[in-house]
Amino acid sequence: MVYFRRHASDDPSQTEPGRGALNSYPTSVRAKIRAVLIAVAAAPPKRFAGGGYWEAMKGEMSGWFEIRADGPGRHHCRLFCLLDYAAQGREKPLLVVVDGRDKPFRTTLSASDYVAVRRMGQEYLARNPRSVS
């Protein structure tokens, strides 16, 4: 498991959007999500059932995976991940945490949120070797 780190030419501070999102979540949510990340990373690729926490996305987000966890204050926290089979210098596929969002209960993320997540994914995939931490 790795975190996407923005390349210095795209973001001089080289932020890590997925790690930043995860670290902004409440402690209980971080613990749930980290447990899911560990379980997914330990399972054979594309074989983790998920139990409602790990979901393959559809439509324009096809190819993406979402980790879902509910937090206090009736918030839904989401972490967006890719499975990378083409990373140079890696023998096994990478579970890449790319970005994250949270939203109030019973709302949906906006189309612009999904566009922003996909842009981060495109930025990640544009370089090989990958920019990760």
C-alpha atoms as a PDB file:
ATOM      1  CA  MET A   1       0.000   0.000   0.000  1.00  0.00           C
ATOM      2  CA  VAL A   2       1.281   3.434  -0.953  1.00  0.00           C
ATOM      3  CA  TYR A   3       0.052   7.006  -0.978  1.00  0.00           C
ATOM      4  CA  PHE A   4       0.089   9.106  -4.135  1.00  0.00           C
ATOM      5  CA  ARG A   5       2.470  12.031  -3.683  1.00  0.00           C
ATOM      6  CA  ARG A   6       1.983  14.897  -6.085  1.00  0.00           C
ATOM      7  CA  HIS A   7       5.054  15.551  -8.201  1.00  0.00           C
ATOM      8  CA  ALA A   8       7.032  18.723  -7.497  1.00  0.00           C
ATOM      9  CA  SER A   9       6.299  20.073 -10.994  1.00  0.00           C
ATOM     10  CA  ASP A  10       2.531  19.790 -10.317  1.00  0.00           C
ATOM     11  CA  ASP A  11       2.591  20.803  -6.652  1.00  0.00           C
ATOM     12  CA  PRO A  12       5.823  22.257  -5.225  1.00  0.00           C
ATOM     13  CA  SER A  13       4.864  21.170  -1.700  1.00  0.00           C
ATOM     14  CA  GLN A  14       4.323  17.583  -2.954  1.00  0.00           C
ATOM     15  CA  THR A  15       1.129  17.058  -0.995  1.00  0.00           C
ATOM     16  CA  GLU A  16      -0.398  13.626  -0.514  1.00  0.00           C
ATOM     17  CA  PRO A  17      -4.155  14.141  -1.016  1.00  0.00           C
ATOM     18  CA  GLY A  18      -5.194  10.668   0.157  1.00  0.00           C
ATOM     19  CA  ARG A  19      -3.043  10.709   3.272  1.00  0.00           C
ATOM     20  CA  GLY A  20      -4.181  14.260   4.029  1.00  0.00           C
ATOM     21  CA  ALA A  21      -7.830  13.252   3.762  1.00  0.00           C
ATOM     22  CA  LEU A  22      -7.324  10.158   5.900  1.00  0.00           C
ATOM     23  CA  ASN A  23      -5.502  12.126   8.587  1.00  0.00           C
ATOM     24  CA  SER A  24      -8.331  14.686   8.675  1.00  0.00           C
ATOM     25  CA  TYR A  25     -10.930  12.043   9.573  1.00  0.00           C
ATOM     26  CA  PRO A  26     -11.908  11.378  13.196  1.00  0.00           C
ATOM     27  CA  THR A  27      -9.790   8.810  15.047  1.00  0.00           C
ATOM     28  CA  SER A  28     -12.445   6.071  14.907  1.00  0.00           C
ATOM     29  CA  VAL A  29     -12.837   6.499  11.136  1.00  0.00           C
ATOM     30  CA  ARG A  30      -9.071   6.475  10.569  1.00  0.00           C
ATOM     31  CA  ALA A  31      -8.831   3.205  12.485  1.00  0.00           C
ATOM     32  CA  LYS A  32     -11.602   1.570  10.416  1.00  0.00           C
ATOM     33  CA  ILE A  33     -10.141   2.737   7.127  1.00  0.00           C
ATOM     34  CA  ARG A  34      -6.597   1.687   8.015  1.00  0.00           C
ATOM     35  CA  ALA A  35      -7.888  -1.782   8.954  1.00  0.00           C
ATOM     36  CA  VAL A  36      -9.587  -2.036   5.548  1.00  0.00           C
ATOM     37  CA  LEU A  37      -6.425  -0.871   3.758  1.00  0.00           C
ATOM     38  CA  ILE A  38      -4.365  -3.518   5.554  1.00  0.00           C
ATOM     39  CA  ALA A  39      -6.898  -6.248   4.751  1.00  0.00           C
ATOM     40  CA  VAL A  40      -7.126  -5.251   1.075  1.00  0.00           C
ATOM     41  CA  ALA A  41      -3.334  -5.035   0.723  1.00  0.00           C
ATOM     42  CA  ALA A  42      -2.943  -8.508   2.277  1.00  0.00           C
ATOM     43  CA  ALA A  43      -5.567 -10.130   0.022  1.00  0.00           C
ATOM     44  CA  PRO A  44      -4.913 -11.310  -3.526  1.00  0.00           C
ATOM     45  CA  PRO A  45      -5.642  -8.473  -5.998  1.00  0.00           C
ATOM     46  CA  LYS A  46      -9.340  -7.967  -6.738  1.00  0.00           C
ATOM     47  CA  ARG A  47     -10.278 -10.732  -4.284  1.00  0.00           C
ATOM     48  CA  PHE A  48     -11.148  -8.757  -1.158  1.00  0.00           C
ATOM     49  CA  ALA A  49     -14.905  -8.947  -0.529  1.00  0.00           C
ATOM     50  CA  GLY A  50     -15.032  -5.656   1.336  1.00  0.00           C
ATOM     51  CA  GLY A  51     -18.020  -6.114   3.610  1.00  0.00           C
ATOM     52  CA  GLY A  52     -19.469  -2.777   2.511  1.00  0.00           C
ATOM     53  CA  TYR A  53     -16.278  -0.890   3.308  1.00  0.00           C
ATOM     54  CA  TRP A  54     -14.395  -1.603   0.039  1.00  0.00           C
ATOM     55  CA  GLU A  55     -16.385  -1.102  -3.142  1.00  0.00           C
ATOM     56  CA  ALA A  56     -15.516  -1.152  -6.832  1.00  0.00           C
ATOM     57  CA  MET A  57     -16.904   1.969  -8.440  1.00  0.00           C
ATOM     58  CA  LYS A  58     -18.910   2.143 -11.656  1.00  0.00           C
ATOM     59  CA  GLY A  59     -19.575   4.497 -14.527  1.00  0.00           C
ATOM     60  CA  GLU A  60     -17.092   7.336 -14.925  1.00  0.00           C
ATOM     61  CA  MET A  61     -15.279   6.044 -11.819  1.00  0.00           C
ATOM     62  CA  SER A  62     -14.827   2.548 -13.244  1.00  0.00           C
ATOM     63  CA  GLY A  63     -11.398   1.221 -12.286  1.00  0.00           C
ATOM     64  CA  TRP A  64     -11.501   3.056  -8.966  1.00  0.00           C
ATOM     65  CA  PHE A  65     -12.184   1.600  -5.542  1.00  0.00           C
ATOM     66  CA  GLU A  66     -13.770   3.396  -2.631  1.00  0.00           C
ATOM     67  CA  ILE A  67     -13.305   2.770   1.065  1.00  0.00           C
ATOM     68  CA  ARG A  68     -16.388   3.870   2.965  1.00  0.00           C
ATOM     69  CA  ALA A  69     -16.642   4.572   6.665  1.00  0.00           C
ATOM     70  CA  ASP A  70     -19.217   6.459   8.672  1.00  0.00           C
ATOM     71  CA  GLY A  71     -18.048   8.969  11.206  1.00  0.00           C
ATOM     72  CA  PRO A  72     -19.534  10.914  14.068  1.00  0.00           C
ATOM     73  CA  GLY A  73     -21.914  13.741  13.318  1.00  0.00           C
ATOM     74  CA  ARG A  74     -23.526  11.649  10.607  1.00  0.00           C
ATOM     75  CA  HIS A  75     -20.721  12.063   8.102  1.00  0.00           C
ATOM     76  CA  HIS A  76     -19.589   9.635   5.429  1.00  0.00           C
ATOM     77  CA  CYS A  77     -15.834   9.473   4.831  1.00  0.00           C
ATOM     78  CA  ARG A  78     -14.534   8.192   1.504  1.00  0.00           C
ATOM     79  CA  LEU A  79     -11.047   7.249   0.382  1.00  0.00           C
ATOM     80  CA  PHE A  80     -10.445   6.702  -3.348  1.00  0.00           C
ATOM     81  CA  CYS A  81      -7.918   4.068  -4.391  1.00  0.00           C
ATOM     82  CA  LEU A  82      -6.451   2.479  -7.499  1.00  0.00           C
ATOM     83  CA  LEU A  83      -4.871  -0.913  -8.040  1.00  0.00           C
ATOM     84  CA  ASP A  84      -1.750  -0.281 -10.106  1.00  0.00           C
ATOM     85  CA  TYR A  85      -0.436  -3.255 -12.090  1.00  0.00           C
ATOM     86  CA  ALA A  86       1.956  -1.214 -14.255  1.00  0.00           C
ATOM     87  CA  ALA A  87       4.189   0.549 -11.701  1.00  0.00           C
ATOM     88  CA  GLN A  88       7.835   0.238 -12.730  1.00  0.00           C
ATOM     89  CA  GLY A  89      10.121  -1.514 -10.303  1.00  0.00           C
ATOM     90  CA  ARG A  90       7.311  -3.243  -8.429  1.00  0.00           C
ATOM     91  CA  GLU A  91       6.809  -6.996  -8.467  1.00  0.00           C
ATOM     92  CA  LYS A  92       3.297  -6.878  -7.049  1.00  0.00           C
ATOM     93  CA  PRO A  93       0.394  -4.564  -7.849  1.00  0.00           C
ATOM     94  CA  LEU A  94       0.216  -1.424  -5.744  1.00  0.00           C
ATOM     95  CA  LEU A  95      -2.780  -0.447  -3.672  1.00  0.00           C
ATOM     96  CA  VAL A  96      -2.610   3.320  -4.137  1.00  0.00           C
ATOM     97  CA  VAL A  97      -4.481   5.751  -1.905  1.00  0.00           C
ATOM     98  CA  VAL A  98      -5.057   8.694  -4.226  1.00  0.00           C
ATOM     99  CA  ASP A  99      -7.585  11.064  -2.661  1.00  0.00           C
ATOM    100  CA  GLY A 100     -10.409  11.336  -0.146  1.00  0.00           C
ATOM    101  CA  ARG A 101     -13.577  13.245   0.619  1.00  0.00           C
ATOM    102  CA  ASP A 102     -16.201  13.417   3.314  1.00  0.00           C
ATOM    103  CA  LYS A 103     -19.825  14.365   3.046  1.00  0.00           C
ATOM    104  CA  PRO A 104     -22.850  14.781   5.273  1.00  0.00           C
ATOM    105  CA  PHE A 105     -25.178  11.818   5.793  1.00  0.00           C
ATOM    106  CA  ARG A 106     -27.615  11.141   2.924  1.00  0.00           C
ATOM    107  CA  THR A 107     -25.928  13.463   0.466  1.00  0.00           C
ATOM    108  CA  THR A 108     -23.885  12.718  -2.611  1.00  0.00           C
ATOM    109  CA  LEU A 109     -20.523  13.988  -3.710  1.00  0.00           C
ATOM    110  CA  SER A 110     -20.715  16.488  -6.535  1.00  0.00           C
ATOM    111  CA  ALA A 111     -19.685  15.773 -10.090  1.00  0.00           C
ATOM    112  CA  SER A 112     -16.817  18.231  -9.580  1.00  0.00           C
ATOM    113  CA  ASP A 113     -15.590  16.157  -6.601  1.00  0.00           C
ATOM    114  CA  TYR A 114     -15.390  13.072  -8.804  1.00  0.00           C
ATOM    115  CA  VAL A 115     -13.680  15.065 -11.563  1.00  0.00           C
ATOM    116  CA  ALA A 116     -11.069  16.255  -9.040  1.00  0.00           C
ATOM    117  CA  VAL A 117     -10.453  12.678  -7.857  1.00  0.00           C
ATOM    118  CA  ARG A 118     -10.056  11.433 -11.434  1.00  0.00           C
ATOM    119  CA  ARG A 119      -7.621  14.286 -12.160  1.00  0.00           C
ATOM    120  CA  MET A 120      -5.469  13.188  -9.234  1.00  0.00           C
ATOM    121  CA  GLY A 121      -5.558   9.653 -10.665  1.00  0.00           C
ATOM    122  CA  GLN A 122      -4.522  10.902 -14.101  1.00  0.00           C
ATOM    123  CA  GLU A 123      -1.674  12.847 -12.527  1.00  0.00           C
ATOM    124  CA  TYR A 124      -0.572   9.712 -10.649  1.00  0.00           C
ATOM    125  CA  LEU A 125      -0.658   7.526 -13.781  1.00  0.00           C
ATOM    126  CA  ALA A 126       1.150  10.111 -15.946  1.00  0.00           C
ATOM    127  CA  ARG A 127       4.554   9.237 -14.465  1.00  0.00           C
ATOM    128  CA  ASN A 128       6.266   5.904 -14.255  1.00  0.00           C
ATOM    129  CA  PRO A 129       8.111   5.318 -11.989  1.00  0.00           C
ATOM    130  CA  ARG A 130       5.218   6.494  -9.876  1.00  0.00           C
ATOM    131  CA  SER A 131       5.284   9.374  -7.441  1.00  0.00           C
ATOM    132  CA  VAL A 132       4.410   7.656  -4.151  1.00  0.00           C
ATOM    133  CA  SER A 133       5.330   7.609  -0.500  1.00  0.00           C
END
